Amino acid sequence: MPTFDQFLHDTAKNGGSINTLFEERLFALVGKLEKIAQSFALWKIPYELIGGGAVMLHVNRVEPSAVRNTKGVDIMVHWADLSRIEESVKRATSPLTPSTRSSRVRRRGRMRPCRIHL
């Protein structure tokens, strides 16, 4: 994936226009997802992109001009992989750090809080 600066340069070179606020935020989100995906791939941790990011990817395939940005990256993982996820984050070369657990996951038929901020 090109850097944001490369994207700006290439688009300007081709005579295109850019909504820099939107594109810069989008590149930041994609960058976060790439770091997560690389770490999970190294540790062979299965995951699914969910929420606004998943909707954004689907809309982009159907009608790219209709894409709307989202504030974060939501991923679904298996509860049993949580300790491996925390370890993969600790060992990542990027500044990813685990923090509080506070959203919801299903365990033994009940919803339990669990979130790792990356």
Protein backbone atom coordinates (compact mmCIF):
# COMPACT_ATOMS: atom_id res chain seq x y z
CA MET A 1 0.00 0.00 0.00
CA PRO A 2 1.38 3.44 -0.86
CA THR A 3 2.03 5.95 1.90
CA PHE A 4 -0.35 8.87 2.25
CA ASP A 5 2.28 11.19 0.76
CA GLN A 6 2.75 8.86 -2.23
CA PHE A 7 -1.02 8.76 -2.70
CA LEU A 8 -1.22 12.58 -2.67
CA HIS A 9 1.66 12.88 -5.13
CA ASP A 10 0.29 10.26 -7.54
CA THR A 11 -3.22 11.72 -7.48
CA ALA A 12 -1.96 15.25 -8.10
CA LYS A 13 0.32 13.98 -10.88
CA ASN A 14 -2.71 12.37 -12.57
CA GLY A 15 -4.78 15.56 -12.22
CA GLY A 16 -7.13 14.15 -9.57
CA SER A 17 -8.64 15.88 -6.57
CA ILE A 18 -8.49 14.72 -2.96
CA ASN A 19 -10.49 15.29 0.19
CA THR A 20 -7.38 15.30 2.37
CA LEU A 21 -9.23 15.08 5.70
CA PHE A 22 -11.16 11.98 4.61
CA GLU A 23 -8.22 10.31 2.88
CA GLU A 24 -5.77 10.96 5.72
CA ARG A 25 -8.15 9.39 8.26
CA LEU A 26 -8.81 6.47 5.94
CA PHE A 27 -5.08 5.82 5.51
CA ALA A 28 -4.65 5.91 9.30
CA LEU A 29 -7.41 3.31 9.78
CA VAL A 30 -6.02 1.07 7.05
CA GLY A 31 -2.58 1.39 8.63
CA LYS A 32 -3.96 0.19 11.98
CA LEU A 33 -5.73 -2.72 10.33
CA GLU A 34 -2.53 -3.69 8.47
CA LYS A 35 -0.57 -3.79 11.74
CA ILE A 36 -3.23 -5.93 13.37
CA ALA A 37 -3.48 -8.25 10.34
CA GLN A 38 0.31 -8.69 10.14
CA SER A 39 0.56 -9.53 13.82
CA PHE A 40 -2.40 -11.93 13.70
CA ALA A 41 -1.04 -13.62 10.57
CA LEU A 42 2.33 -14.16 12.25
CA TRP A 43 0.59 -15.77 15.25
CA LYS A 44 -1.99 -17.55 13.06
CA ILE A 45 -4.88 -15.91 14.92
CA PRO A 46 -8.17 -15.99 12.98
CA TYR A 47 -10.25 -12.80 12.97
CA GLU A 48 -13.01 -11.06 11.06
CA LEU A 49 -13.37 -7.37 10.28
CA ILE A 50 -16.79 -6.21 11.51
CA GLY A 51 -18.64 -2.95 12.08
CA GLY A 52 -18.12 0.21 10.07
CA GLY A 53 -14.86 -1.03 8.52
CA ALA A 54 -16.57 -4.08 7.04
CA VAL A 55 -19.42 -1.93 5.73
CA MET A 56 -16.90 0.52 4.25
CA LEU A 57 -15.11 -2.28 2.35
CA HIS A 58 -18.39 -3.65 1.00
CA VAL A 59 -19.63 -0.24 -0.11
CA ASN A 60 -16.26 0.45 -1.77
CA ARG A 61 -16.69 -2.69 -3.91
CA VAL A 62 -20.21 -1.68 -4.96
CA GLU A 63 -19.96 2.13 -5.24
CA PRO A 64 -16.61 3.71 -4.27
CA SER A 65 -18.01 7.25 -4.33
CA ALA A 66 -20.47 6.32 -1.56
CA VAL A 67 -17.80 5.25 0.98
CA ARG A 68 -18.07 6.91 4.38
CA ASN A 69 -15.33 6.81 6.98
CA THR A 70 -15.55 5.13 10.36
CA LYS A 71 -13.87 6.11 13.63
CA GLY A 72 -12.24 2.80 14.44
CA VAL A 73 -11.39 -0.71 13.42
CA ASP A 74 -13.63 -3.42 14.90
CA ILE A 75 -12.52 -7.02 14.72
CA MET A 76 -14.10 -10.23 15.97
CA VAL A 77 -11.85 -12.89 17.50
CA HIS A 78 -12.30 -16.12 19.42
CA TRP A 79 -12.32 -15.69 23.18
CA ALA A 80 -9.84 -18.57 23.48
CA ASP A 81 -7.29 -16.56 21.43
CA LEU A 82 -7.34 -13.53 23.73
CA SER A 83 -4.11 -14.37 25.61
CA ARG A 84 -2.33 -15.01 22.28
CA ILE A 85 -3.62 -11.69 20.97
CA GLU A 86 -2.28 -9.86 24.01
CA GLU A 87 1.09 -11.59 23.57
CA SER A 88 1.21 -10.79 19.85
CA VAL A 89 0.52 -7.14 20.62
CA LYS A 90 3.28 -7.03 23.25
CA ARG A 91 5.80 -8.48 20.79
CA ALA A 92 4.78 -6.37 17.82
CA THR A 93 7.47 -4.05 16.53
CA SER A 94 4.99 -1.18 16.25
CA PRO A 95 3.76 0.81 19.26
CA LEU A 96 0.62 -1.30 19.75
CA THR A 97 -0.30 -1.63 23.40
CA PRO A 98 -3.13 -3.52 25.06
CA SER A 99 -5.30 -1.56 27.48
CA THR A 100 -8.65 -1.89 29.20
CA ARG A 101 -11.22 -4.57 28.47
CA SER A 102 -14.66 -3.07 28.14
CA SER A 103 -16.78 -4.11 25.16
CA ARG A 104 -18.85 -7.29 24.78
CA VAL A 105 -18.01 -10.83 23.75
CA ARG A 106 -20.02 -14.01 24.07
CA ARG A 107 -18.65 -16.67 26.41
CA ARG A 108 -20.58 -19.69 27.59
CA GLY A 109 -23.81 -18.20 26.32
CA ARG A 110 -23.39 -14.93 28.21
CA MET A 111 -22.15 -11.53 27.10
CA ARG A 112 -18.92 -10.57 28.87
CA PRO A 113 -16.91 -7.36 28.59
CA CYS A 114 -13.70 -7.50 26.56
CA ARG A 115 -11.87 -4.89 24.47
CA ILE A 116 -8.23 -4.42 23.59
CA HIS A 117 -7.38 -0.95 22.35
CA LEU A 118 -4.66 -0.99 19.71
